[in-house]
Amino acid sequence: MNLGPAEILVILVLALVVFGPKRLPEVGRQVGGALREIRKVQDTVRTEINTALQDDAPSYRRVPGHGPPEPSIHEAELDADHDDAVDAPPPVRRLDEPDNGPSGSFS
Protein backbone atom coordinates (compact mmCIF):
# COMPACT_ATOMS: atom_id res chain seq x y z
CA MET A 1 0.00 0.00 0.00
CA ASN A 2 1.73 3.14 -1.24
CA LEU A 3 0.52 6.49 0.01
CA GLY A 4 1.58 9.60 -1.85
CA PRO A 5 1.88 13.07 -0.37
CA ALA A 6 -1.65 14.02 -1.49
CA GLU A 7 -3.22 10.99 0.22
CA ILE A 8 -1.32 11.64 3.46
CA LEU A 9 -2.44 15.28 3.42
CA VAL A 10 -6.09 14.26 2.97
CA ILE A 11 -5.83 11.77 5.86
CA LEU A 12 -4.25 14.41 8.13
CA VAL A 13 -6.93 16.99 7.30
CA LEU A 14 -9.70 14.44 7.96
CA ALA A 15 -8.09 13.44 11.27
CA LEU A 16 -7.84 17.13 12.26
CA VAL A 17 -11.52 17.68 11.45
CA VAL A 18 -12.71 14.50 13.20
CA PHE A 19 -10.57 14.65 16.36
CA GLY A 20 -9.84 18.35 16.64
CA PRO A 21 -6.51 20.08 17.29
CA LYS A 22 -6.46 19.25 21.01
CA ARG A 23 -6.93 15.47 20.75
CA LEU A 24 -4.90 14.91 17.57
CA PRO A 25 -1.47 14.51 19.30
CA GLU A 26 -2.97 12.01 21.77
CA VAL A 27 -4.55 9.99 18.97
CA GLY A 28 -1.23 10.05 17.07
CA ARG A 29 0.62 8.65 20.09
CA GLN A 30 -1.97 5.90 20.52
CA VAL A 31 -1.78 4.93 16.84
CA GLY A 32 2.05 4.91 16.99
CA GLY A 33 2.01 2.72 20.10
CA ALA A 34 -0.42 0.30 18.49
CA LEU A 35 1.76 0.04 15.37
CA ARG A 36 4.83 -0.64 17.55
CA GLU A 37 3.01 -3.45 19.34
CA ILE A 38 1.86 -4.96 16.04
CA ARG A 39 5.45 -4.91 14.72
CA LYS A 40 6.74 -6.58 17.91
CA VAL A 41 4.16 -9.35 17.62
CA GLN A 42 4.93 -9.74 13.92
CA ASP A 43 8.69 -10.03 14.61
CA THR A 44 8.06 -12.55 17.40
CA VAL A 45 5.87 -14.73 15.17
CA ARG A 46 8.39 -14.52 12.32
CA THR A 47 11.22 -15.55 14.65
CA GLU A 48 9.24 -18.48 16.04
CA ILE A 49 8.30 -19.71 12.57
CA ASN A 50 11.90 -19.46 11.33
CA THR A 51 13.17 -21.30 14.41
CA ALA A 52 10.58 -24.06 13.99
CA LEU A 53 11.41 -24.46 10.31
CA GLN A 54 15.15 -24.63 10.99
CA ASP A 55 14.65 -27.21 13.75
CA ASP A 56 12.48 -29.42 11.51
CA ALA A 57 14.72 -29.17 8.44
CA PRO A 58 16.87 -32.24 7.85
CA SER A 59 20.57 -31.73 8.16
CA TYR A 60 22.45 -32.49 4.96
CA ARG A 61 25.89 -32.01 6.41
CA ARG A 62 28.25 -34.84 5.59
CA VAL A 63 29.75 -36.50 8.63
CA PRO A 64 33.37 -37.53 8.01
CA GLY A 65 33.87 -41.28 8.00
CA HIS A 66 30.22 -42.08 7.22
CA GLY A 67 28.89 -42.95 3.78
CA PRO A 68 30.79 -43.57 0.56
CA PRO A 69 33.89 -41.48 -0.10
CA GLU A 70 33.48 -38.75 -2.68
CA PRO A 71 35.67 -39.19 -5.77
CA SER A 72 38.27 -36.54 -6.44
CA ILE A 73 38.21 -34.56 -9.67
CA HIS A 74 40.99 -36.71 -11.08
CA GLU A 75 39.13 -39.94 -10.32
CA ALA A 76 35.79 -38.82 -11.76
CA GLU A 77 34.63 -40.85 -14.74
CA LEU A 78 34.10 -38.87 -17.91
CA ASP A 79 30.67 -39.06 -19.51
CA ALA A 80 31.29 -40.77 -22.86
CA ASP A 81 27.88 -39.80 -24.26
CA HIS A 82 28.45 -36.06 -24.09
CA ASP A 83 32.20 -35.51 -24.15
CA ASP A 84 32.41 -35.29 -27.95
CA ALA A 85 29.61 -32.70 -28.21
CA VAL A 86 31.60 -30.09 -26.25
CA ASP A 87 33.87 -29.28 -29.18
CA ALA A 88 31.08 -29.22 -31.79
CA PRO A 89 30.05 -25.76 -32.99
CA PRO A 90 26.40 -24.77 -32.57
CA PRO A 91 24.16 -25.23 -35.62
CA VAL A 92 24.09 -22.25 -37.97
CA ARG A 93 20.68 -20.82 -38.86
CA ARG A 94 20.30 -18.18 -41.49
CA LEU A 95 18.02 -15.25 -40.79
CA ASP A 96 16.17 -15.64 -44.12
CA GLU A 97 15.15 -19.25 -43.35
CA PRO A 98 11.52 -19.67 -42.22
CA ASP A 99 10.91 -20.59 -38.59
CA ASN A 100 8.69 -23.68 -38.47
CA GLY A 101 8.37 -23.66 -34.68
CA PRO A 102 9.40 -26.49 -32.40
CA SER A 103 9.92 -29.88 -33.94
CA GLY A 104 8.13 -32.95 -32.70
CA SER A 105 4.58 -33.84 -31.88
CA PHE A 106 2.71 -32.36 -28.93
CA SER A 107 -0.48 -34.34 -29.13
C-alpha atoms as a PDB file:
ATOM      1  CA  MET A   1       0.000   0.000   0.000  1.00  0.00           C
ATOM      2  CA  ASN A   2       1.730   3.137  -1.240  1.00  0.00           C
ATOM      3  CA  LEU A   3       0.523   6.492   0.008  1.00  0.00           C
ATOM      4  CA  GLY A   4       1.583   9.598  -1.846  1.00  0.00           C
ATOM      5  CA  PRO A   5       1.876  13.070  -0.372  1.00  0.00           C
ATOM      6  CA  ALA A   6      -1.648  14.017  -1.493  1.00  0.00           C
ATOM      7  CA  GLU A   7      -3.225  10.992   0.218  1.00  0.00           C
ATOM      8  CA  ILE A   8      -1.322  11.641   3.458  1.00  0.00           C
ATOM      9  CA  LEU A   9      -2.442  15.283   3.420  1.00  0.00           C
ATOM     10  CA  VAL A  10      -6.092  14.260   2.966  1.00  0.00           C
ATOM     11  CA  ILE A  11      -5.828  11.770   5.863  1.00  0.00           C
ATOM     12  CA  LEU A  12      -4.251  14.412   8.131  1.00  0.00           C
ATOM     13  CA  VAL A  13      -6.934  16.987   7.300  1.00  0.00           C
ATOM     14  CA  LEU A  14      -9.699  14.441   7.956  1.00  0.00           C
ATOM     15  CA  ALA A  15      -8.087  13.442  11.275  1.00  0.00           C
ATOM     16  CA  LEU A  16      -7.839  17.127  12.256  1.00  0.00           C
ATOM     17  CA  VAL A  17     -11.517  17.676  11.448  1.00  0.00           C
ATOM     18  CA  VAL A  18     -12.708  14.500  13.196  1.00  0.00           C
ATOM     19  CA  PHE A  19     -10.566  14.653  16.359  1.00  0.00           C
ATOM     20  CA  GLY A  20      -9.842  18.354  16.636  1.00  0.00           C
ATOM     21  CA  PRO A  21      -6.508  20.076  17.290  1.00  0.00           C
ATOM     22  CA  LYS A  22      -6.460  19.248  21.013  1.00  0.00           C
ATOM     23  CA  ARG A  23      -6.928  15.474  20.755  1.00  0.00           C
ATOM     24  CA  LEU A  24      -4.899  14.912  17.566  1.00  0.00           C
ATOM     25  CA  PRO A  25      -1.470  14.509  19.304  1.00  0.00           C
ATOM     26  CA  GLU A  26      -2.966  12.013  21.767  1.00  0.00           C
ATOM     27  CA  VAL A  27      -4.553   9.993  18.969  1.00  0.00           C
ATOM     28  CA  GLY A  28      -1.234  10.049  17.068  1.00  0.00           C
ATOM     29  CA  ARG A  29       0.618   8.651  20.094  1.00  0.00           C
ATOM     30  CA  GLN A  30      -1.973   5.897  20.516  1.00  0.00           C
ATOM     31  CA  VAL A  31      -1.778   4.930  16.842  1.00  0.00           C
ATOM     32  CA  GLY A  32       2.045   4.913  16.992  1.00  0.00           C
ATOM     33  CA  GLY A  33       2.011   2.716  20.103  1.00  0.00           C
ATOM     34  CA  ALA A  34      -0.418   0.297  18.493  1.00  0.00           C
ATOM     35  CA  LEU A  35       1.764   0.045  15.368  1.00  0.00           C
ATOM     36  CA  ARG A  36       4.834  -0.641  17.547  1.00  0.00           C
ATOM     37  CA  GLU A  37       3.009  -3.449  19.343  1.00  0.00           C
ATOM     38  CA  ILE A  38       1.859  -4.962  16.036  1.00  0.00           C
ATOM     39  CA  ARG A  39       5.447  -4.909  14.720  1.00  0.00           C
ATOM     40  CA  LYS A  40       6.741  -6.576  17.911  1.00  0.00           C
ATOM     41  CA  VAL A  41       4.158  -9.353  17.616  1.00  0.00           C
ATOM     42  CA  GLN A  42       4.933  -9.738  13.920  1.00  0.00           C
ATOM     43  CA  ASP A  43       8.688 -10.034  14.613  1.00  0.00           C
ATOM     44  CA  THR A  44       8.055 -12.551  17.404  1.00  0.00           C
ATOM     45  CA  VAL A  45       5.873 -14.727  15.172  1.00  0.00           C
ATOM     46  CA  ARG A  46       8.388 -14.515  12.316  1.00  0.00           C
ATOM     47  CA  THR A  47      11.220 -15.546  14.649  1.00  0.00           C
ATOM     48  CA  GLU A  48       9.242 -18.480  16.041  1.00  0.00           C
ATOM     49  CA  ILE A  49       8.303 -19.713  12.570  1.00  0.00           C
ATOM     50  CA  ASN A  50      11.903 -19.465  11.328  1.00  0.00           C
ATOM     51  CA  THR A  51      13.170 -21.297  14.414  1.00  0.00           C
ATOM     52  CA  ALA A  52      10.582 -24.058  13.993  1.00  0.00           C
ATOM     53  CA  LEU A  53      11.413 -24.462  10.309  1.00  0.00           C
ATOM     54  CA  GLN A  54      15.145 -24.632  10.993  1.00  0.00           C
ATOM     55  CA  ASP A  55      14.653 -27.214  13.748  1.00  0.00           C
ATOM     56  CA  ASP A  56      12.482 -29.422  11.509  1.00  0.00           C
ATOM     57  CA  ALA A  57      14.717 -29.165   8.438  1.00  0.00           C
ATOM     58  CA  PRO A  58      16.865 -32.241   7.851  1.00  0.00           C
ATOM     59  CA  SER A  59      20.572 -31.735   8.156  1.00  0.00           C
ATOM     60  CA  TYR A  60      22.452 -32.493   4.958  1.00  0.00           C
ATOM     61  CA  ARG A  61      25.891 -32.009   6.410  1.00  0.00           C
ATOM     62  CA  ARG A  62      28.255 -34.835   5.593  1.00  0.00           C
ATOM     63  CA  VAL A  63      29.751 -36.502   8.628  1.00  0.00           C
ATOM     64  CA  PRO A  64      33.370 -37.532   8.007  1.00  0.00           C
ATOM     65  CA  GLY A  65      33.872 -41.278   8.004  1.00  0.00           C
ATOM     66  CA  HIS A  66      30.218 -42.085   7.216  1.00  0.00           C
ATOM     67  CA  GLY A  67      28.894 -42.954   3.784  1.00  0.00           C
ATOM     68  CA  PRO A  68      30.790 -43.567   0.561  1.00  0.00           C
ATOM     69  CA  PRO A  69      33.888 -41.478  -0.097  1.00  0.00           C
ATOM     70  CA  GLU A  70      33.479 -38.746  -2.677  1.00  0.00           C
ATOM     71  CA  PRO A  71      35.665 -39.193  -5.767  1.00  0.00           C
ATOM     72  CA  SER A  72      38.270 -36.535  -6.444  1.00  0.00           C
ATOM     73  CA  ILE A  73      38.211 -34.561  -9.667  1.00  0.00           C
ATOM     74  CA  HIS A  74      40.993 -36.714 -11.080  1.00  0.00           C
ATOM     75  CA  GLU A  75      39.128 -39.939 -10.322  1.00  0.00           C
ATOM     76  CA  ALA A  76      35.785 -38.816 -11.756  1.00  0.00           C
ATOM     77  CA  GLU A  77      34.627 -40.852 -14.745  1.00  0.00           C
ATOM     78  CA  LEU A  78      34.098 -38.865 -17.910  1.00  0.00           C
ATOM     79  CA  ASP A  79      30.669 -39.063 -19.512  1.00  0.00           C
ATOM     80  CA  ALA A  80      31.285 -40.766 -22.865  1.00  0.00           C
ATOM     81  CA  ASP A  81      27.875 -39.795 -24.258  1.00  0.00           C
ATOM     82  CA  HIS A  82      28.449 -36.064 -24.087  1.00  0.00           C
ATOM     83  CA  ASP A  83      32.195 -35.508 -24.151  1.00  0.00           C
ATOM     84  CA  ASP A  84      32.412 -35.294 -27.945  1.00  0.00           C
ATOM     85  CA  ALA A  85      29.612 -32.701 -28.210  1.00  0.00           C
ATOM     86  CA  VAL A  86      31.596 -30.093 -26.252  1.00  0.00           C
ATOM     87  CA  ASP A  87      33.868 -29.277 -29.177  1.00  0.00           C
ATOM     88  CA  ALA A  88      31.080 -29.221 -31.788  1.00  0.00           C
ATOM     89  CA  PRO A  89      30.046 -25.758 -32.986  1.00  0.00           C
ATOM     90  CA  PRO A  90      26.404 -24.769 -32.572  1.00  0.00           C
ATOM     91  CA  PRO A  91      24.155 -25.234 -35.622  1.00  0.00           C
ATOM     92  CA  VAL A  92      24.087 -22.255 -37.968  1.00  0.00           C
ATOM     93  CA  ARG A  93      20.680 -20.823 -38.859  1.00  0.00           C
ATOM     94  CA  ARG A  94      20.300 -18.178 -41.490  1.00  0.00           C
ATOM     95  CA  LEU A  95      18.019 -15.249 -40.794  1.00  0.00           C
ATOM     96  CA  ASP A  96      16.166 -15.638 -44.121  1.00  0.00           C
ATOM     97  CA  GLU A  97      15.148 -19.248 -43.347  1.00  0.00           C
ATOM     98  CA  PRO A  98      11.523 -19.669 -42.220  1.00  0.00           C
ATOM     99  CA  ASP A  99      10.909 -20.590 -38.587  1.00  0.00           C
ATOM    100  CA  ASN A 100       8.694 -23.676 -38.466  1.00  0.00           C
ATOM    101  CA  GLY A 101       8.372 -23.657 -34.681  1.00  0.00           C
ATOM    102  CA  PRO A 102       9.400 -26.488 -32.404  1.00  0.00           C
ATOM    103  CA  SER A 103       9.920 -29.881 -33.939  1.00  0.00           C
ATOM    104  CA  GLY A 104       8.127 -32.953 -32.705  1.00  0.00           C
ATOM    105  CA  SER A 105       4.576 -33.838 -31.878  1.00  0.00           C
ATOM    106  CA  PHE A 106       2.715 -32.357 -28.926  1.00  0.00           C
ATOM    107  CA  SER A 107      -0.483 -34.339 -29.128  1.00  0.00           C
END
